[in-house]
N, C-alpha and C. Protein backbone atom coordinates (compact mmCIF):
# COMPACT_ATOMS: atom_id res chain seq x y z
N MET A 1 158.47 -37.10 9.87
CA MET A 1 158.79 -36.72 8.50
C MET A 1 158.20 -35.32 8.22
N THR A 2 158.99 -34.51 7.59
CA THR A 2 158.55 -33.15 7.27
C THR A 2 158.13 -33.07 5.81
N LEU A 3 156.94 -32.54 5.56
CA LEU A 3 156.44 -32.40 4.20
C LEU A 3 156.70 -30.99 3.69
N HIS A 4 157.14 -30.90 2.43
CA HIS A 4 157.38 -29.61 1.80
C HIS A 4 156.53 -29.51 0.54
N LYS A 5 155.79 -28.43 0.40
CA LYS A 5 154.96 -28.22 -0.77
C LYS A 5 155.78 -27.64 -1.90
N ILE A 6 155.70 -28.27 -3.09
CA ILE A 6 156.45 -27.83 -4.26
C ILE A 6 155.52 -27.01 -5.15
N ASN A 7 155.89 -25.73 -5.34
CA ASN A 7 155.06 -24.84 -6.13
C ASN A 7 155.61 -24.60 -7.53
N LYS A 8 156.82 -25.10 -7.80
CA LYS A 8 157.43 -24.90 -9.11
C LYS A 8 157.63 -26.22 -9.82
N LYS A 9 157.79 -26.15 -11.13
CA LYS A 9 158.02 -27.34 -11.94
C LYS A 9 159.37 -27.97 -11.61
N ILE A 10 159.41 -29.28 -11.44
CA ILE A 10 160.65 -30.00 -11.15
C ILE A 10 161.43 -30.19 -12.45
N VAL A 11 162.64 -29.69 -12.49
CA VAL A 11 163.45 -29.80 -13.71
C VAL A 11 164.59 -30.82 -13.54
N SER A 12 164.93 -31.16 -12.30
CA SER A 12 165.96 -32.16 -12.04
C SER A 12 165.85 -32.61 -10.59
N TYR A 13 166.51 -33.72 -10.29
CA TYR A 13 166.48 -34.20 -8.92
C TYR A 13 167.75 -34.99 -8.64
N LYS A 14 168.03 -35.19 -7.36
CA LYS A 14 169.22 -35.93 -6.95
C LYS A 14 168.91 -36.65 -5.66
N VAL A 15 169.30 -37.90 -5.58
CA VAL A 15 169.09 -38.71 -4.38
C VAL A 15 170.29 -38.52 -3.46
N LEU A 16 170.02 -38.08 -2.23
CA LEU A 16 171.09 -37.85 -1.27
C LEU A 16 171.24 -39.06 -0.37
N THR A 17 172.46 -39.54 -0.25
CA THR A 17 172.76 -40.60 0.70
C THR A 17 173.05 -39.95 2.06
N LYS A 18 173.24 -40.76 3.06
CA LYS A 18 173.52 -40.24 4.40
C LYS A 18 174.81 -39.43 4.42
N ASP A 19 175.84 -39.96 3.71
CA ASP A 19 177.14 -39.27 3.70
C ASP A 19 177.05 -37.94 2.98
N SER A 20 176.36 -37.93 1.82
CA SER A 20 176.28 -36.69 1.06
C SER A 20 175.40 -35.67 1.76
N ALA A 21 174.41 -36.14 2.53
CA ALA A 21 173.55 -35.22 3.26
C ALA A 21 174.33 -34.51 4.35
N GLU A 22 175.24 -35.24 5.02
CA GLU A 22 176.07 -34.63 6.07
C GLU A 22 177.00 -33.59 5.46
N THR A 23 177.50 -33.92 4.25
CA THR A 23 178.40 -32.99 3.58
C THR A 23 177.69 -31.73 3.15
N ALA A 24 176.40 -31.87 2.84
CA ALA A 24 175.62 -30.74 2.33
C ALA A 24 175.19 -29.77 3.42
N GLN A 25 175.44 -30.13 4.70
CA GLN A 25 175.05 -29.24 5.78
C GLN A 25 175.79 -27.91 5.66
N PRO A 26 175.11 -26.79 5.82
CA PRO A 26 175.78 -25.48 5.71
C PRO A 26 176.85 -25.31 6.78
N GLU A 27 177.95 -24.67 6.37
CA GLU A 27 179.03 -24.43 7.31
C GLU A 27 178.60 -23.39 8.34
N ALA A 28 179.11 -23.58 9.54
CA ALA A 28 178.78 -22.63 10.60
C ALA A 28 179.36 -21.26 10.26
N GLU A 29 178.57 -20.24 10.50
CA GLU A 29 179.03 -18.89 10.18
C GLU A 29 180.18 -18.50 11.09
N LYS A 30 181.20 -17.90 10.48
CA LYS A 30 182.34 -17.44 11.26
C LYS A 30 181.97 -16.16 12.00
N PRO A 31 182.39 -16.04 13.25
CA PRO A 31 182.08 -14.81 13.99
C PRO A 31 182.74 -13.60 13.35
N SER A 32 182.03 -12.50 13.30
CA SER A 32 182.59 -11.29 12.69
C SER A 32 183.64 -10.69 13.63
N PRO A 33 184.63 -10.02 13.07
CA PRO A 33 185.68 -9.41 13.90
C PRO A 33 185.10 -8.40 14.88
N GLU A 34 185.65 -8.37 16.07
CA GLU A 34 185.17 -7.44 17.09
C GLU A 34 185.70 -6.04 16.80
N SER A 35 184.83 -5.07 16.89
CA SER A 35 185.23 -3.68 16.70
C SER A 35 185.09 -2.93 18.02
N MET A 36 185.67 -1.75 18.08
CA MET A 36 185.67 -0.97 19.32
C MET A 36 184.27 -0.49 19.65
N HIS A 37 183.83 -0.67 20.89
CA HIS A 37 182.55 -0.13 21.36
C HIS A 37 182.63 0.08 22.86
N GLU A 38 181.70 0.84 23.40
CA GLU A 38 181.78 1.28 24.79
C GLU A 38 181.53 0.18 25.80
N ASN A 39 181.05 -0.99 25.36
CA ASN A 39 180.76 -2.07 26.30
C ASN A 39 181.90 -3.09 26.42
N ILE A 40 183.00 -2.84 25.72
CA ILE A 40 184.16 -3.74 25.84
C ILE A 40 184.74 -3.61 27.25
N GLU A 41 184.93 -4.74 27.89
CA GLU A 41 185.46 -4.73 29.25
C GLU A 41 186.95 -4.45 29.23
N ARG A 42 187.39 -3.60 30.13
CA ARG A 42 188.80 -3.24 30.19
C ARG A 42 189.64 -4.42 30.65
N PRO A 43 190.67 -4.79 29.87
CA PRO A 43 191.56 -5.88 30.29
C PRO A 43 192.39 -5.46 31.51
N GLU A 44 192.99 -6.43 32.18
CA GLU A 44 193.83 -6.14 33.34
C GLU A 44 195.07 -5.35 32.93
N VAL A 45 195.59 -5.64 31.73
CA VAL A 45 196.82 -4.99 31.27
C VAL A 45 196.58 -4.37 29.90
N LEU A 46 196.99 -3.11 29.75
CA LEU A 46 196.92 -2.43 28.47
C LEU A 46 198.33 -1.97 28.06
N VAL A 47 198.57 -1.92 26.77
CA VAL A 47 199.85 -1.41 26.28
C VAL A 47 199.67 0.05 25.90
N GLY A 48 200.74 0.83 26.02
CA GLY A 48 200.59 2.24 25.70
C GLY A 48 201.92 2.95 25.56
N SER A 49 201.85 4.27 25.37
CA SER A 49 203.03 5.11 25.19
C SER A 49 202.82 6.40 25.96
N THR A 50 203.94 7.00 26.40
CA THR A 50 203.89 8.27 27.12
C THR A 50 204.67 9.32 26.35
N TYR A 51 204.07 10.50 26.19
CA TYR A 51 204.67 11.58 25.43
C TYR A 51 204.90 12.78 26.36
N LYS A 52 206.09 13.35 26.27
CA LYS A 52 206.45 14.49 27.12
C LYS A 52 206.23 15.79 26.38
N ILE A 53 205.57 16.75 27.02
CA ILE A 53 205.35 18.08 26.47
C ILE A 53 205.98 19.10 27.40
N LYS A 54 206.89 19.88 26.86
CA LYS A 54 207.54 20.94 27.66
C LYS A 54 207.32 22.26 26.93
N THR A 55 206.61 23.16 27.57
CA THR A 55 206.30 24.45 26.95
C THR A 55 207.03 25.57 27.68
N PRO A 56 207.27 26.70 26.98
CA PRO A 56 207.90 27.85 27.65
C PRO A 56 206.96 28.55 28.62
N GLN A 57 205.71 28.11 28.66
CA GLN A 57 204.72 28.75 29.53
C GLN A 57 204.74 28.19 30.95
N SER A 58 205.47 27.08 31.15
CA SER A 58 205.51 26.46 32.47
C SER A 58 206.85 25.79 32.68
N GLU A 59 207.32 25.82 33.94
CA GLU A 59 208.59 25.17 34.23
C GLU A 59 208.44 23.66 34.37
N HIS A 60 207.21 23.19 34.48
CA HIS A 60 206.96 21.76 34.63
C HIS A 60 206.41 21.17 33.32
N ALA A 61 206.87 19.98 32.98
CA ALA A 61 206.42 19.31 31.76
C ALA A 61 205.10 18.59 32.00
N LEU A 62 204.39 18.31 30.92
CA LEU A 62 203.20 17.47 30.95
C LEU A 62 203.55 16.12 30.34
N TYR A 63 203.00 15.06 30.90
CA TYR A 63 203.25 13.70 30.40
C TYR A 63 201.90 13.10 29.99
N ILE A 64 201.77 12.83 28.71
CA ILE A 64 200.53 12.29 28.16
C ILE A 64 200.70 10.80 27.93
N THR A 65 199.92 9.99 28.61
CA THR A 65 199.96 8.53 28.46
C THR A 65 198.70 8.06 27.76
N ILE A 66 198.86 7.37 26.64
CA ILE A 66 197.73 6.81 25.89
C ILE A 66 197.84 5.30 25.91
N ASN A 67 196.86 4.64 26.50
CA ASN A 67 196.83 3.18 26.57
C ASN A 67 195.92 2.62 25.49
N ASP A 68 196.35 1.51 24.90
CA ASP A 68 195.62 0.89 23.79
C ASP A 68 195.11 -0.50 24.16
N ILE A 69 194.03 -0.89 23.52
CA ILE A 69 193.49 -2.24 23.64
C ILE A 69 193.74 -2.99 22.33
N ILE A 70 194.05 -4.27 22.43
CA ILE A 70 194.28 -5.10 21.24
C ILE A 70 193.00 -5.87 20.94
N LEU A 71 192.40 -5.61 19.80
CA LEU A 71 191.18 -6.29 19.38
C LEU A 71 191.52 -7.47 18.47
N ASN A 72 190.77 -8.57 18.62
CA ASN A 72 190.94 -9.77 17.77
C ASN A 72 192.39 -10.26 17.80
N GLN A 73 192.94 -10.30 18.99
CA GLN A 73 194.36 -10.65 19.14
C GLN A 73 194.65 -12.05 18.62
N GLY A 74 195.72 -12.15 17.85
CA GLY A 74 196.14 -13.44 17.31
C GLY A 74 195.46 -13.82 16.01
N SER A 75 194.54 -13.00 15.52
CA SER A 75 193.83 -13.31 14.27
C SER A 75 194.30 -12.36 13.17
N GLU A 76 193.82 -12.62 11.96
CA GLU A 76 194.18 -11.76 10.83
C GLU A 76 193.54 -10.37 10.95
N HIS A 77 192.57 -10.23 11.86
CA HIS A 77 191.88 -8.96 12.04
C HIS A 77 192.40 -8.20 13.26
N GLU A 78 193.54 -8.60 13.78
CA GLU A 78 194.08 -7.94 14.97
C GLU A 78 194.34 -6.46 14.69
N GLU A 79 193.94 -5.61 15.61
CA GLU A 79 194.17 -4.18 15.49
C GLU A 79 194.32 -3.55 16.87
N ARG A 80 195.06 -2.46 16.89
CA ARG A 80 195.33 -1.75 18.14
C ARG A 80 194.55 -0.45 18.13
N ARG A 81 193.75 -0.22 19.17
CA ARG A 81 192.93 0.98 19.23
C ARG A 81 193.11 1.68 20.59
N PRO A 82 193.12 3.02 20.59
CA PRO A 82 193.28 3.75 21.85
C PRO A 82 192.08 3.52 22.76
N TYR A 83 192.35 3.36 24.05
CA TYR A 83 191.28 3.05 25.01
C TYR A 83 191.11 4.15 26.05
N GLU A 84 192.24 4.73 26.51
CA GLU A 84 192.16 5.74 27.55
C GLU A 84 193.39 6.64 27.48
N VAL A 85 193.27 7.83 28.05
CA VAL A 85 194.38 8.78 28.07
C VAL A 85 194.48 9.41 29.45
N PHE A 86 195.74 9.62 29.89
CA PHE A 86 196.00 10.29 31.17
C PHE A 86 197.02 11.39 30.93
N ILE A 87 196.87 12.51 31.63
CA ILE A 87 197.81 13.62 31.55
C ILE A 87 198.24 13.99 32.97
N ASN A 88 199.55 13.95 33.20
CA ASN A 88 200.08 14.22 34.54
C ASN A 88 201.11 15.33 34.48
N SER A 89 201.17 16.13 35.55
CA SER A 89 202.16 17.19 35.65
C SER A 89 202.24 17.66 37.10
N LYS A 90 203.39 18.22 37.45
CA LYS A 90 203.55 18.83 38.78
C LYS A 90 202.81 20.16 38.84
N ASN A 91 202.57 20.75 37.68
CA ASN A 91 201.85 22.02 37.61
C ASN A 91 200.36 21.78 37.80
N MET A 92 199.80 22.26 38.91
CA MET A 92 198.39 22.03 39.21
C MET A 92 197.48 23.13 38.67
N GLU A 93 198.07 24.11 37.96
CA GLU A 93 197.29 25.23 37.45
C GLU A 93 196.19 24.78 36.49
N HIS A 94 196.51 23.77 35.67
CA HIS A 94 195.56 23.32 34.64
C HIS A 94 194.82 22.04 35.05
N PHE A 95 194.90 21.64 36.32
CA PHE A 95 194.40 20.34 36.74
C PHE A 95 192.94 20.11 36.37
N GLN A 96 192.09 21.10 36.61
CA GLN A 96 190.65 20.91 36.42
C GLN A 96 190.29 20.63 34.96
N TRP A 97 190.76 21.50 34.05
CA TRP A 97 190.36 21.30 32.65
C TRP A 97 191.12 20.13 32.02
N VAL A 98 192.33 19.85 32.49
CA VAL A 98 193.07 18.70 31.96
C VAL A 98 192.35 17.41 32.34
N LEU A 99 191.88 17.30 33.57
CA LEU A 99 191.15 16.11 34.00
C LEU A 99 189.87 15.94 33.18
N ALA A 100 189.15 17.04 32.97
CA ALA A 100 187.93 16.97 32.17
C ALA A 100 188.24 16.55 30.74
N LEU A 101 189.32 17.09 30.17
CA LEU A 101 189.70 16.77 28.80
C LEU A 101 190.04 15.29 28.64
N THR A 102 190.79 14.74 29.59
CA THR A 102 191.17 13.32 29.49
C THR A 102 189.95 12.41 29.59
N ARG A 103 188.99 12.78 30.42
CA ARG A 103 187.80 11.95 30.55
C ARG A 103 186.95 11.97 29.28
N VAL A 104 186.84 13.15 28.66
CA VAL A 104 186.06 13.25 27.42
C VAL A 104 186.75 12.49 26.30
N ILE A 105 188.07 12.66 26.16
CA ILE A 105 188.81 11.97 25.10
C ILE A 105 188.73 10.46 25.29
N SER A 106 188.90 9.99 26.53
CA SER A 106 188.82 8.55 26.80
C SER A 106 187.44 8.00 26.45
N ALA A 107 186.40 8.77 26.76
CA ALA A 107 185.04 8.34 26.44
C ALA A 107 184.84 8.23 24.93
N VAL A 108 185.40 9.18 24.17
CA VAL A 108 185.30 9.13 22.70
C VAL A 108 186.06 7.91 22.18
N PHE A 109 187.25 7.63 22.72
CA PHE A 109 188.02 6.46 22.31
C PHE A 109 187.21 5.18 22.50
N ARG A 110 186.60 5.03 23.67
CA ARG A 110 185.87 3.80 23.99
C ARG A 110 184.55 3.69 23.23
N LYS A 111 184.05 4.80 22.75
CA LYS A 111 182.79 4.77 22.00
C LYS A 111 182.95 4.04 20.68
N GLY A 112 184.19 4.05 20.13
CA GLY A 112 184.43 3.38 18.86
C GLY A 112 184.25 4.32 17.69
N GLY A 113 184.38 3.78 16.48
CA GLY A 113 184.30 4.61 15.29
C GLY A 113 185.60 5.34 15.03
N ASP A 114 185.54 6.31 14.15
CA ASP A 114 186.72 7.06 13.77
C ASP A 114 186.92 8.22 14.75
N ALA A 115 187.91 8.08 15.64
CA ALA A 115 188.18 9.10 16.64
C ALA A 115 189.24 10.09 16.18
N CYS A 116 189.66 10.00 14.93
CA CYS A 116 190.75 10.85 14.44
C CYS A 116 190.34 12.32 14.36
N PHE A 117 189.03 12.58 14.34
CA PHE A 117 188.58 13.97 14.26
C PHE A 117 189.02 14.76 15.49
N LEU A 118 189.29 14.06 16.60
CA LEU A 118 189.73 14.74 17.82
C LEU A 118 191.01 15.52 17.60
N VAL A 119 191.89 14.96 16.78
CA VAL A 119 193.19 15.59 16.53
C VAL A 119 193.01 16.98 15.94
N GLU A 120 192.21 17.10 14.88
CA GLU A 120 192.01 18.40 14.24
C GLU A 120 191.28 19.37 15.15
N GLU A 121 190.34 18.87 15.95
CA GLU A 121 189.61 19.75 16.87
C GLU A 121 190.56 20.34 17.91
N LEU A 122 191.45 19.52 18.46
CA LEU A 122 192.38 20.00 19.49
C LEU A 122 193.43 20.92 18.89
N LYS A 123 193.93 20.57 17.71
CA LYS A 123 194.97 21.39 17.07
C LYS A 123 194.45 22.76 16.66
N ALA A 124 193.15 22.92 16.56
CA ALA A 124 192.55 24.19 16.14
C ALA A 124 192.27 25.14 17.30
N VAL A 125 192.62 24.73 18.54
CA VAL A 125 192.37 25.58 19.71
C VAL A 125 193.50 26.60 19.85
N PHE A 126 193.16 27.88 19.94
CA PHE A 126 194.14 28.96 20.07
C PHE A 126 194.06 29.58 21.46
N ASP A 127 195.22 29.85 22.03
CA ASP A 127 195.30 30.52 23.32
C ASP A 127 195.20 32.03 23.10
N PRO A 128 194.24 32.72 23.73
CA PRO A 128 194.11 34.17 23.54
C PRO A 128 195.34 34.94 24.00
N ARG A 129 196.16 34.35 24.87
CA ARG A 129 197.39 35.01 25.33
C ARG A 129 198.53 34.83 24.33
N GLY A 130 198.31 34.01 23.29
CA GLY A 130 199.34 33.77 22.28
C GLY A 130 199.95 32.39 22.42
N GLY A 131 200.46 31.89 21.30
CA GLY A 131 201.08 30.57 21.30
C GLY A 131 202.57 30.66 21.54
N TYR A 132 203.29 29.63 21.11
CA TYR A 132 204.74 29.58 21.32
C TYR A 132 205.37 28.69 20.26
N PHE A 133 206.68 28.85 20.09
CA PHE A 133 207.42 28.05 19.15
C PHE A 133 208.15 26.93 19.89
N LYS A 134 208.06 25.72 19.32
CA LYS A 134 208.82 24.59 19.83
C LYS A 134 210.19 24.56 19.15
N LYS A 135 211.05 23.71 19.66
CA LYS A 135 212.37 23.54 19.05
C LYS A 135 212.20 23.07 17.61
N GLY A 136 212.91 23.70 16.70
CA GLY A 136 212.78 23.37 15.29
C GLY A 136 211.88 24.33 14.55
N GLY A 137 211.31 25.31 15.28
CA GLY A 137 210.51 26.34 14.63
C GLY A 137 209.05 25.99 14.42
N VAL A 138 208.55 24.92 15.07
CA VAL A 138 207.14 24.54 14.93
C VAL A 138 206.29 25.39 15.88
N PHE A 139 205.29 26.04 15.34
CA PHE A 139 204.43 26.92 16.14
C PHE A 139 203.27 26.14 16.75
N MET A 140 203.06 26.33 18.04
CA MET A 140 201.93 25.74 18.74
C MET A 140 201.00 26.86 19.20
N PRO A 141 199.77 26.91 18.70
CA PRO A 141 198.85 27.99 19.08
C PRO A 141 198.35 27.91 20.52
N SER A 142 198.52 26.73 21.15
CA SER A 142 198.07 26.57 22.54
C SER A 142 198.59 25.26 23.10
N LEU A 143 198.48 25.12 24.41
CA LEU A 143 198.85 23.86 25.05
C LEU A 143 197.91 22.74 24.60
N VAL A 144 196.62 23.06 24.44
CA VAL A 144 195.65 22.06 23.98
C VAL A 144 196.03 21.56 22.59
N ALA A 145 196.49 22.48 21.73
CA ALA A 145 196.91 22.09 20.38
C ALA A 145 198.08 21.12 20.43
N GLU A 146 199.01 21.36 21.37
CA GLU A 146 200.16 20.45 21.47
C GLU A 146 199.73 19.07 21.98
N ILE A 147 198.72 19.04 22.84
CA ILE A 147 198.16 17.74 23.26
C ILE A 147 197.57 17.03 22.04
N GLY A 148 196.93 17.81 21.16
CA GLY A 148 196.40 17.23 19.92
C GLY A 148 197.49 16.67 19.05
N HIS A 149 198.64 17.36 18.97
CA HIS A 149 199.77 16.87 18.18
C HIS A 149 200.31 15.57 18.77
N ALA A 150 200.35 15.47 20.10
CA ALA A 150 200.83 14.25 20.74
C ALA A 150 199.91 13.07 20.44
N ILE A 151 198.60 13.31 20.50
CA ILE A 151 197.63 12.26 20.17
C ILE A 151 197.76 11.87 18.70
N GLU A 152 197.98 12.86 17.83
CA GLU A 152 198.17 12.57 16.41
C GLU A 152 199.39 11.67 16.20
N SER A 153 200.48 11.96 16.88
CA SER A 153 201.69 11.12 16.78
C SER A 153 201.39 9.69 17.18
N HIS A 154 200.58 9.53 18.23
CA HIS A 154 200.25 8.18 18.69
C HIS A 154 199.36 7.45 17.69
N LEU A 155 198.38 8.13 17.15
CA LEU A 155 197.49 7.49 16.18
C LEU A 155 198.23 7.11 14.91
N LYS A 156 199.25 7.89 14.56
CA LYS A 156 200.10 7.51 13.43
C LYS A 156 200.92 6.28 13.78
N HIS A 157 201.39 6.23 15.02
CA HIS A 157 202.21 5.10 15.48
C HIS A 157 201.45 3.78 15.42
N ILE A 158 200.16 3.79 15.75
CA ILE A 158 199.38 2.55 15.76
C ILE A 158 198.64 2.32 14.45
N GLY A 159 198.82 3.22 13.48
CA GLY A 159 198.27 2.99 12.15
C GLY A 159 196.88 3.53 11.90
N MET A 160 196.30 4.30 12.83
CA MET A 160 194.97 4.85 12.61
C MET A 160 195.01 6.06 11.68
N ILE A 161 196.13 6.76 11.67
CA ILE A 161 196.33 7.89 10.76
C ILE A 161 197.54 7.59 9.89
N GLN A 162 197.37 7.69 8.59
CA GLN A 162 198.48 7.46 7.67
C GLN A 162 199.22 8.78 7.44
N PRO A 163 200.50 8.82 7.80
CA PRO A 163 201.25 10.08 7.63
C PRO A 163 201.42 10.45 6.16
N GLU A 164 201.37 11.74 5.90
CA GLU A 164 201.59 12.24 4.55
C GLU A 164 203.08 12.42 4.33
N GLU A 165 203.66 11.54 3.57
CA GLU A 165 205.09 11.59 3.34
C GLU A 165 205.39 12.14 1.94
N MET A 166 206.45 12.94 1.88
CA MET A 166 206.88 13.47 0.59
C MET A 166 207.62 12.40 -0.20
N SER A 167 207.54 12.49 -1.49
CA SER A 167 208.26 11.57 -2.34
C SER A 167 209.75 11.88 -2.28
N ASP A 168 210.57 10.93 -2.73
CA ASP A 168 212.02 11.14 -2.76
C ASP A 168 212.38 12.34 -3.64
N HIS A 169 211.62 12.52 -4.73
CA HIS A 169 211.87 13.65 -5.61
C HIS A 169 211.63 14.97 -4.89
N GLN A 170 210.54 15.05 -4.10
CA GLN A 170 210.24 16.27 -3.35
C GLN A 170 211.31 16.55 -2.30
N LYS A 171 211.75 15.48 -1.59
CA LYS A 171 212.78 15.65 -0.57
C LYS A 171 214.08 16.15 -1.20
N GLN A 172 214.43 15.59 -2.34
CA GLN A 172 215.65 16.01 -3.03
C GLN A 172 215.54 17.46 -3.49
N PHE A 173 214.37 17.83 -3.99
CA PHE A 173 214.14 19.21 -4.45
C PHE A 173 214.30 20.20 -3.30
N LEU A 174 213.71 19.90 -2.13
CA LEU A 174 213.80 20.80 -0.99
C LEU A 174 215.23 20.88 -0.46
N ALA A 175 215.93 19.74 -0.48
CA ALA A 175 217.32 19.74 -0.03
C ALA A 175 218.18 20.63 -0.92
N GLU A 176 217.94 20.57 -2.22
CA GLU A 176 218.68 21.42 -3.16
C GLU A 176 218.33 22.89 -2.95
N LYS A 177 217.05 23.18 -2.71
CA LYS A 177 216.63 24.55 -2.47
C LYS A 177 217.26 25.10 -1.19
N ARG A 178 217.36 24.25 -0.19
CA ARG A 178 217.94 24.69 1.08
C ARG A 178 219.43 24.98 0.92
N ARG A 179 220.13 24.09 0.22
CA ARG A 179 221.56 24.33 0.01
C ARG A 179 221.78 25.62 -0.79
N GLU A 180 220.91 25.86 -1.77
CA GLU A 180 221.01 27.07 -2.58
C GLU A 180 220.77 28.32 -1.74
N PHE A 181 219.77 28.25 -0.84
CA PHE A 181 219.46 29.40 0.01
C PHE A 181 220.61 29.67 0.98
N GLU A 182 221.13 28.61 1.61
CA GLU A 182 222.21 28.77 2.58
C GLU A 182 223.49 29.25 1.92
N ALA A 183 223.69 28.93 0.64
CA ALA A 183 224.88 29.40 -0.07
C ALA A 183 224.85 30.92 -0.24
N HIS A 184 223.65 31.49 -0.34
CA HIS A 184 223.50 32.92 -0.51
C HIS A 184 223.34 33.67 0.81
N HIS A 185 222.73 33.05 1.81
CA HIS A 185 222.39 33.76 3.04
C HIS A 185 223.07 33.19 4.27
N GLY A 186 223.80 32.09 4.13
CA GLY A 186 224.44 31.48 5.29
C GLY A 186 223.58 30.40 5.91
N ALA A 187 224.25 29.48 6.61
CA ALA A 187 223.54 28.36 7.23
C ALA A 187 222.82 28.81 8.50
N ALA A 188 221.92 27.95 8.99
CA ALA A 188 221.18 28.26 10.21
C ALA A 188 222.12 28.35 11.41
N ASN A 189 221.80 29.28 12.32
CA ASN A 189 222.62 29.48 13.51
C ASN A 189 222.01 28.80 14.72
N ASN A 190 222.84 28.58 15.73
CA ASN A 190 222.38 28.04 17.03
C ASN A 190 221.68 26.70 16.89
N GLY A 191 222.03 25.95 15.88
CA GLY A 191 221.45 24.62 15.73
C GLY A 191 220.00 24.62 15.29
N ASP A 192 219.51 25.75 14.79
CA ASP A 192 218.12 25.81 14.33
C ASP A 192 217.93 24.88 13.14
N ALA A 193 216.72 24.34 13.02
CA ALA A 193 216.45 23.42 11.92
C ALA A 193 216.36 24.14 10.58
N PHE A 194 215.93 25.43 10.62
CA PHE A 194 215.75 26.18 9.38
C PHE A 194 216.40 27.55 9.51
N PRO A 195 216.64 28.23 8.38
CA PRO A 195 217.33 29.52 8.42
C PRO A 195 216.64 30.54 9.32
N GLU A 196 217.45 31.43 9.88
CA GLU A 196 216.92 32.45 10.79
C GLU A 196 215.95 33.39 10.09
N GLN A 197 216.14 33.60 8.78
CA GLN A 197 215.28 34.51 8.03
C GLN A 197 213.91 33.92 7.72
N ALA A 198 213.74 32.65 7.96
CA ALA A 198 212.48 31.98 7.60
C ALA A 198 211.30 32.53 8.38
N VAL A 199 210.14 32.51 7.75
CA VAL A 199 208.91 32.94 8.40
C VAL A 199 207.96 31.75 8.52
N LEU A 200 206.87 31.96 9.22
CA LEU A 200 205.94 30.87 9.52
C LEU A 200 205.18 30.42 8.29
N CYS A 201 205.15 29.10 8.06
CA CYS A 201 204.37 28.51 6.98
C CYS A 201 202.95 28.26 7.49
N THR A 202 201.97 28.73 6.77
CA THR A 202 200.58 28.57 7.22
C THR A 202 200.07 27.14 7.05
N LYS A 203 200.78 26.33 6.26
CA LYS A 203 200.33 24.96 6.02
C LYS A 203 200.81 24.00 7.11
N CYS A 204 202.12 24.04 7.43
CA CYS A 204 202.66 23.09 8.40
C CYS A 204 202.99 23.73 9.74
N SER A 205 202.70 25.05 9.88
CA SER A 205 202.93 25.78 11.13
C SER A 205 204.39 25.70 11.59
N THR A 206 205.31 25.72 10.64
CA THR A 206 206.73 25.67 10.94
C THR A 206 207.41 26.91 10.38
N LYS A 207 208.32 27.47 11.15
CA LYS A 207 209.04 28.66 10.71
C LYS A 207 210.11 28.23 9.72
N ALA A 208 209.68 27.97 8.47
CA ALA A 208 210.58 27.40 7.47
C ALA A 208 210.36 27.97 6.07
N MET A 209 209.55 29.01 5.95
CA MET A 209 209.25 29.56 4.63
C MET A 209 210.23 30.68 4.29
N VAL A 210 210.90 30.57 3.14
CA VAL A 210 211.90 31.55 2.73
C VAL A 210 211.60 32.03 1.31
N LEU A 211 212.17 33.19 0.98
CA LEU A 211 211.98 33.76 -0.36
C LEU A 211 213.07 33.25 -1.29
N MET A 212 212.64 32.52 -2.32
CA MET A 212 213.59 31.97 -3.28
C MET A 212 213.06 32.19 -4.69
N ASP A 213 213.90 32.76 -5.54
CA ASP A 213 213.53 33.00 -6.94
C ASP A 213 212.24 33.81 -7.03
N GLY A 214 212.10 34.76 -6.09
CA GLY A 214 210.92 35.60 -6.10
C GLY A 214 209.66 34.91 -5.62
N CYS A 215 209.79 33.78 -4.96
CA CYS A 215 208.62 33.00 -4.52
C CYS A 215 208.84 32.48 -3.10
N MET A 216 207.85 32.62 -2.24
CA MET A 216 207.93 32.09 -0.88
C MET A 216 207.74 30.58 -0.92
N THR A 217 208.75 29.86 -0.40
CA THR A 217 208.72 28.39 -0.43
C THR A 217 209.06 27.85 0.96
N CYS A 218 208.30 26.86 1.41
CA CYS A 218 208.54 26.24 2.71
C CYS A 218 209.55 25.11 2.56
N LEU A 219 210.64 25.19 3.34
CA LEU A 219 211.68 24.17 3.29
C LEU A 219 211.31 22.93 4.10
N ASN A 220 210.18 22.97 4.79
CA ASN A 220 209.77 21.83 5.58
C ASN A 220 208.75 20.95 4.85
N CYS A 221 207.70 21.56 4.30
CA CYS A 221 206.63 20.78 3.67
C CYS A 221 206.54 20.99 2.16
N GLY A 222 207.29 21.98 1.63
CA GLY A 222 207.27 22.22 0.18
C GLY A 222 206.19 23.16 -0.29
N GLU A 223 205.39 23.72 0.63
CA GLU A 223 204.35 24.66 0.24
C GLU A 223 204.97 25.85 -0.48
N SER A 224 204.36 26.27 -1.58
CA SER A 224 204.89 27.37 -2.38
C SER A 224 203.78 28.33 -2.74
N LYS A 225 204.04 29.62 -2.62
CA LYS A 225 203.04 30.63 -2.99
C LYS A 225 202.87 30.74 -4.50
N CYS A 226 203.80 30.10 -5.23
CA CYS A 226 203.73 30.16 -6.69
C CYS A 226 203.08 28.91 -7.27
N GLY A 227 202.55 28.05 -6.43
CA GLY A 227 201.88 26.85 -6.92
C GLY A 227 202.80 25.67 -7.06
C-alpha cells in the first residue's frame, strides 16, 4: 500500500471502484509526427522528379533529379520532403563544382528545417561572363541560378513553397493591357511570349516590361514604375 501525505484541506472526495479506476487511467501519449532530420535512414525506394536545363552556353543539357522522402506515410501528418539531388550531363566541364554543389544541397535537405533559403541563395549567383535569356524572355544570370529555379519549381510542386499567384482581376488587367499594346505596336514575332520592344523587368527577370500610358509596366508580373 502506498501512503500519500495530504497537505491541503479536503473539500470533496469520491470512492473509486475497480472499473472506474481502470477508466481513470491516463491515455497513452500519442507519438509526435516525425520531422526531417539527418539521422533518418534512407528508404530503399524514393520518389522524385527530373528537370532538364538547356543553356546557350553548352550543347549538352543538364538533368537535375530531386528525390523525396515521405514522412508519416498514411497518417494525417504525411508530408513529402526533398532528400537528395543529383545533376548529370555529358558536359564534364562543370563536373567538379556540380558534384560539390549536389552534395552540399543534399546535406542541407537531410538536415531538416526550412531549406527554402537555398533557392534564393542559388538564384542570386551571377556569372561574371554574363547570363542568358531562356525561351519566353526569362533572364538567367548564371547556370547556378537556373539550378536554383529548378529546385524552386520542385519545392512548389511538393508544397514547401507556395506560389505567388495573381488574382483573376490582375490577369484580366494585364491581358487587356497586352491587347492594347499589340493593337498599337503589333503582336510578338517569332512566337515570342512578349513583344519585341519589351525590356527586362527587375522584379520577375522577364523581358516583358513595356511603356504604356507613359508608365513602364510588366506584362508578366504586373510590376509598374507608377505604383
